C-alpha atoms as a PDB file:
ATOM      1  CA  MET A   1      -3.237  29.470 -16.029  1.00  0.00           C
ATOM      2  CA  SER A   2      -5.307  29.410 -13.393  1.00  0.00           C
ATOM      3  CA  ASP A   3      -4.836  28.037  -9.952  1.00  0.00           C
ATOM      4  CA  ARG A   4      -7.362  25.260 -10.477  1.00  0.00           C
ATOM      5  CA  GLU A   5      -5.514  24.176 -14.084  1.00  0.00           C
ATOM      6  CA  ILE A   6      -2.140  23.963 -12.130  1.00  0.00           C
ATOM      7  CA  VAL A   7      -3.733  21.985  -9.473  1.00  0.00           C
ATOM      8  CA  ILE A   8      -5.185  19.777 -12.401  1.00  0.00           C
ATOM      9  CA  VAL A   9      -1.993  19.531 -13.952  1.00  0.00           C
ATOM     10  CA  GLY A  10      -0.047  18.274 -10.916  1.00  0.00           C
ATOM     11  CA  PHE A  11      -2.737  15.450 -10.185  1.00  0.00           C
ATOM     12  CA  VAL A  12      -2.461  14.711 -14.044  1.00  0.00           C
ATOM     13  CA  LEU A  13       1.348  14.458 -13.422  1.00  0.00           C
ATOM     14  CA  LEU A  14       1.324  12.544 -10.350  1.00  0.00           C
ATOM     15  CA  LEU A  15      -0.986   9.957 -12.138  1.00  0.00           C
ATOM     16  CA  VAL A  16       1.521   9.690 -14.832  1.00  0.00           C
ATOM     17  CA  ALA A  17       4.175   9.163 -12.295  1.00  0.00           C
ATOM     18  CA  THR A  18       2.251   6.568 -10.530  1.00  0.00           C
ATOM     19  CA  LEU A  19       1.447   4.737 -13.699  1.00  0.00           C
ATOM     20  CA  GLY A  20       5.185   4.698 -14.799  1.00  0.00           C
ATOM     21  CA  THR A  21       6.167   3.537 -11.687  1.00  0.00           C
ATOM     22  CA  VAL A  22       3.525   0.358 -11.723  1.00  0.00           C
ATOM     23  CA  ALA A  23       4.979  -0.050 -15.035  1.00  0.00           C
ATOM     24  CA  ALA A  24       8.558  -0.074 -14.078  1.00  0.00           C
ATOM     25  CA  THR A  25       7.594  -2.720 -11.411  1.00  0.00           C
ATOM     26  CA  HIS A  26       6.472  -5.045 -14.091  1.00  0.00           C
ATOM     27  CA  VAL A  27       9.909  -4.521 -16.008  1.00  0.00           C
ATOM     28  CA  ARG A  28      12.465  -4.502 -13.315  1.00  0.00           C
ATOM     29  CA  ARG A  29      10.804  -5.916 -10.289  1.00  0.00           C
ATOM     30  CA  ASP A  30      14.310  -6.241  -8.806  1.00  0.00           C
ATOM     31  CA  LEU A  31      15.008  -2.547  -8.825  1.00  0.00           C
ATOM     32  CA  VAL A  32      11.659  -1.240  -8.044  1.00  0.00           C
ATOM     33  CA  ALA A  33       9.472  -2.268  -5.096  1.00  0.00           C
ATOM     34  CA  PRO A  34       5.691  -2.495  -6.256  1.00  0.00           C
ATOM     35  CA  VAL A  35       3.445   0.201  -5.345  1.00  0.00           C
ATOM     36  CA  GLY A  36       1.498  -1.875  -2.939  1.00  0.00           C
ATOM     37  CA  GLU A  37       4.577  -3.106  -0.640  1.00  0.00           C
ATOM     38  CA  THR A  38       5.663   0.530  -0.878  1.00  0.00           C
ATOM     39  CA  VAL A  39       2.459   1.839   0.326  1.00  0.00           C
ATOM     40  CA  ALA A  40       2.271  -0.853   3.146  1.00  0.00           C
ATOM     41  CA  TYR A  41       5.590   0.140   4.245  1.00  0.00           C
ATOM     42  CA  LEU A  42       4.946   3.590   4.356  1.00  0.00           C
ATOM     43  CA  THR A  43       1.661   2.912   6.498  1.00  0.00           C
ATOM     44  CA  ARG A  44       2.999   0.140   8.787  1.00  0.00           C
ATOM     45  CA  THR A  45       2.165   2.177  11.855  1.00  0.00           C
ATOM     46  CA  ARG A  46      -1.395   3.256  13.182  1.00  0.00           C
ATOM     47  CA  ALA A  47      -0.091   7.318  13.104  1.00  0.00           C
ATOM     48  CA  ALA A  48       1.175   6.860   9.254  1.00  0.00           C
ATOM     49  CA  ARG A  49      -2.382   5.696   8.273  1.00  0.00           C
ATOM     50  CA  ILE A  50      -3.826   8.303   9.869  1.00  0.00           C
ATOM     51  CA  ALA A  51      -1.566  10.750   8.575  1.00  0.00           C
ATOM     52  CA  ALA A  52      -2.196   9.323   4.931  1.00  0.00           C
ATOM     53  CA  VAL A  53      -6.366   9.344   5.430  1.00  0.00           C
ATOM     54  CA  LEU A  54      -5.982  13.242   6.515  1.00  0.00           C
ATOM     55  CA  VAL A  55      -3.412  14.113   3.656  1.00  0.00           C
ATOM     56  CA  TRP A  56      -5.579  12.382   1.252  1.00  0.00           C
ATOM     57  CA  GLY A  57      -8.629  14.059   2.396  1.00  0.00           C
ATOM     58  CA  TRP A  58      -7.088  17.396   2.172  1.00  0.00           C
ATOM     59  CA  PHE A  59      -5.953  16.921  -1.335  1.00  0.00           C
ATOM     60  CA  GLY A  60      -9.584  15.503  -2.313  1.00  0.00           C
ATOM     61  CA  TRP A  61     -11.385  18.687  -0.430  1.00  0.00           C
ATOM     62  CA  HIS A  62      -9.058  21.182  -2.165  1.00  0.00           C
ATOM     63  CA  PHE A  63      -9.286  19.341  -5.434  1.00  0.00           C
ATOM     64  CA  LEU A  64     -12.948  18.408  -5.597  1.00  0.00           C
ATOM     65  CA  ALA A  65     -14.358  21.664  -3.813  1.00  0.00           C
ATOM     66  CA  ARG A  66     -13.898  23.972  -6.501  1.00  0.00           C
END
């Protein structure tokens, strides 16, 4: 398996985990915080928002550049 295929599989697994979390928030809202609330909590400071954009850009660049 090539490096590119490993990265694609990783992104697919991340997508599946995210969709599973979203589904879990609809089933058990008292146990799992919604994704929007979690992201809002993690990016409540300016530094965290900048870091999130940089990490997102880095992943995007490495995934789309090939």
